Amino acid sequence: TEDGEILITGNFDPLKVIVLYCLSKKVLSVKKKTKIEQSGPKEISMKTGLKDGTVKVYVRQLEEQKLLVNKGGAYYVPNFLLPAVKAYLQND
């Protein structure tokens, strides 16, 4: 939204919801709406409505798939992974 709130609507796979959330944080960071691009599992859980335990498992899975990077327990999409993330989101 205009005030920097992330809203993900639709029926998406939970893994894709996490990736979309992390991409949204990247956009907010670029637009100077937030100072911190990285998100911990608890934040992702609270903002997406996914269960905390589920998010913890999935962010590790996404890290293993080279779609997210872990920096001190917080996850984000670095620029060099954007092509891989785009391909992942376009793939059904």
C-alpha atoms as a PDB file:
ATOM      1  CA  THR A   1       0.000   0.000   0.000  1.00  0.00           C
ATOM      2  CA  GLU A   2       1.027   3.674  -0.166  1.00  0.00           C
ATOM      3  CA  ASP A   3       1.994   3.652   3.514  1.00  0.00           C
ATOM      4  CA  GLY A   4       4.308   0.672   3.095  1.00  0.00           C
ATOM      5  CA  GLU A   5       2.035  -2.115   4.306  1.00  0.00           C
ATOM      6  CA  ILE A   6       2.425  -5.412   2.449  1.00  0.00           C
ATOM      7  CA  LEU A   7      -0.802  -7.145   1.430  1.00  0.00           C
ATOM      8  CA  ILE A   8      -0.648 -10.456  -0.414  1.00  0.00           C
ATOM      9  CA  THR A   9      -4.047 -11.544  -1.621  1.00  0.00           C
ATOM     10  CA  GLY A  10      -5.005 -14.603  -3.584  1.00  0.00           C
ATOM     11  CA  ASN A  11      -4.604 -18.309  -3.217  1.00  0.00           C
ATOM     12  CA  PHE A  12      -0.838 -18.846  -3.418  1.00  0.00           C
ATOM     13  CA  ASP A  13       1.394 -21.706  -2.397  1.00  0.00           C
ATOM     14  CA  PRO A  14       2.868 -20.837   1.050  1.00  0.00           C
ATOM     15  CA  LEU A  15       6.420 -20.975  -0.344  1.00  0.00           C
ATOM     16  CA  LYS A  16       5.491 -18.403  -2.969  1.00  0.00           C
ATOM     17  CA  VAL A  17       3.807 -16.226  -0.325  1.00  0.00           C
ATOM     18  CA  ILE A  18       7.110 -16.079   1.555  1.00  0.00           C
ATOM     19  CA  VAL A  19       9.058 -15.213  -1.589  1.00  0.00           C
ATOM     20  CA  LEU A  20       6.487 -12.540  -2.519  1.00  0.00           C
ATOM     21  CA  TYR A  21       6.704 -11.073   0.976  1.00  0.00           C
ATOM     22  CA  CYS A  22      10.506 -10.899   0.800  1.00  0.00           C
ATOM     23  CA  LEU A  23      10.340  -9.318  -2.659  1.00  0.00           C
ATOM     24  CA  SER A  24       7.863  -6.774  -1.338  1.00  0.00           C
ATOM     25  CA  LYS A  25      10.272  -5.873   1.460  1.00  0.00           C
ATOM     26  CA  LYS A  26      12.967  -5.348  -1.198  1.00  0.00           C
ATOM     27  CA  VAL A  27      10.690  -2.937  -3.081  1.00  0.00           C
ATOM     28  CA  LEU A  28       9.879  -1.031   0.116  1.00  0.00           C
ATOM     29  CA  SER A  29      13.589  -0.800   0.867  1.00  0.00           C
ATOM     30  CA  VAL A  30      14.381   0.550  -2.601  1.00  0.00           C
ATOM     31  CA  LYS A  31      11.544   3.084  -2.291  1.00  0.00           C
ATOM     32  CA  LYS A  32      12.881   4.125   1.144  1.00  0.00           C
ATOM     33  CA  LYS A  33       9.646   3.048   2.873  1.00  0.00           C
ATOM     34  CA  THR A  34      11.634   0.760   5.200  1.00  0.00           C
ATOM     35  CA  LYS A  35      15.251   0.702   6.296  1.00  0.00           C
ATOM     36  CA  ILE A  36      15.476  -3.054   6.749  1.00  0.00           C
ATOM     37  CA  GLU A  37      15.089  -5.362   3.769  1.00  0.00           C
ATOM     38  CA  GLN A  38      15.546  -8.615   5.716  1.00  0.00           C
ATOM     39  CA  SER A  39      12.697 -10.362   7.554  1.00  0.00           C
ATOM     40  CA  GLY A  40      12.832 -12.990  10.250  1.00  0.00           C
ATOM     41  CA  PRO A  41      10.477 -15.968  10.315  1.00  0.00           C
ATOM     42  CA  LYS A  42       8.377 -14.418  13.093  1.00  0.00           C
ATOM     43  CA  GLU A  43       7.772 -11.218  11.083  1.00  0.00           C
ATOM     44  CA  ILE A  44       6.967 -13.207   7.937  1.00  0.00           C
ATOM     45  CA  SER A  45       4.541 -15.337   9.945  1.00  0.00           C
ATOM     46  CA  MET A  46       2.792 -12.339  11.513  1.00  0.00           C
ATOM     47  CA  LYS A  47       2.487 -10.423   8.232  1.00  0.00           C
ATOM     48  CA  THR A  48       1.420 -13.338   6.010  1.00  0.00           C
ATOM     49  CA  GLY A  49      -0.760 -15.318   8.402  1.00  0.00           C
ATOM     50  CA  LEU A  50       1.332 -18.460   7.910  1.00  0.00           C
ATOM     51  CA  LYS A  51       2.185 -20.471  11.024  1.00  0.00           C
ATOM     52  CA  ASP A  52       5.568 -19.672  12.578  1.00  0.00           C
ATOM     53  CA  GLY A  53       6.776 -23.282  12.458  1.00  0.00           C
ATOM     54  CA  THR A  54       5.780 -23.565   8.822  1.00  0.00           C
ATOM     55  CA  VAL A  55       7.634 -20.376   7.923  1.00  0.00           C
ATOM     56  CA  LYS A  56      10.798 -21.564   9.692  1.00  0.00           C
ATOM     57  CA  VAL A  57      10.830 -24.769   7.649  1.00  0.00           C
ATOM     58  CA  TYR A  58       9.982 -23.034   4.387  1.00  0.00           C
ATOM     59  CA  VAL A  59      12.556 -20.233   4.623  1.00  0.00           C
ATOM     60  CA  ARG A  60      15.279 -22.850   5.103  1.00  0.00           C
ATOM     61  CA  GLN A  61      13.909 -24.727   2.106  1.00  0.00           C
ATOM     62  CA  LEU A  62      13.922 -21.558   0.015  1.00  0.00           C
ATOM     63  CA  GLU A  63      17.470 -20.839   1.142  1.00  0.00           C
ATOM     64  CA  GLU A  64      18.539 -24.342   0.048  1.00  0.00           C
ATOM     65  CA  GLN A  65      16.833 -23.724  -3.316  1.00  0.00           C
ATOM     66  CA  LYS A  66      18.909 -20.520  -3.648  1.00  0.00           C
ATOM     67  CA  LEU A  67      15.851 -18.265  -3.653  1.00  0.00           C
ATOM     68  CA  LEU A  68      16.497 -16.509  -0.323  1.00  0.00           C
ATOM     69  CA  VAL A  69      19.638 -15.630   1.617  1.00  0.00           C
ATOM     70  CA  ASN A  70      19.918 -15.842   5.404  1.00  0.00           C
ATOM     71  CA  LYS A  71      21.665 -12.963   7.128  1.00  0.00           C
ATOM     72  CA  GLY A  72      21.774 -13.445  10.884  1.00  0.00           C
ATOM     73  CA  GLY A  73      18.466 -15.306  11.026  1.00  0.00           C
ATOM     74  CA  ALA A  74      16.654 -12.890   8.710  1.00  0.00           C
ATOM     75  CA  TYR A  75      15.918 -13.640   5.072  1.00  0.00           C
ATOM     76  CA  TYR A  76      15.940 -11.557   1.915  1.00  0.00           C
ATOM     77  CA  VAL A  77      16.231 -11.724  -1.878  1.00  0.00           C
ATOM     78  CA  PRO A  78      19.566 -10.277  -3.019  1.00  0.00           C
ATOM     79  CA  ASN A  79      19.742  -8.704  -6.464  1.00  0.00           C
ATOM     80  CA  PHE A  80      21.745 -11.564  -7.962  1.00  0.00           C
ATOM     81  CA  LEU A  81      18.908 -14.000  -7.179  1.00  0.00           C
ATOM     82  CA  LEU A  82      16.179 -11.933  -8.862  1.00  0.00           C
ATOM     83  CA  PRO A  83      16.288 -13.920 -12.154  1.00  0.00           C
ATOM     84  CA  ALA A  84      15.939 -17.221 -10.259  1.00  0.00           C
ATOM     85  CA  VAL A  85      13.086 -15.832  -8.151  1.00  0.00           C
ATOM     86  CA  LYS A  86      11.312 -14.550 -11.274  1.00  0.00           C
ATOM     87  CA  ALA A  87      11.565 -17.999 -12.895  1.00  0.00           C
ATOM     88  CA  TYR A  88      10.327 -19.655  -9.680  1.00  0.00           C
ATOM     89  CA  LEU A  89       7.280 -17.392  -9.417  1.00  0.00           C
ATOM     90  CA  GLN A  90       6.388 -17.856 -13.083  1.00  0.00           C
ATOM     91  CA  ASN A  91       6.567 -21.642 -12.797  1.00  0.00           C
ATOM     92  CA  ASP A  92       3.329 -23.351 -11.780  1.00  0.00           C
END
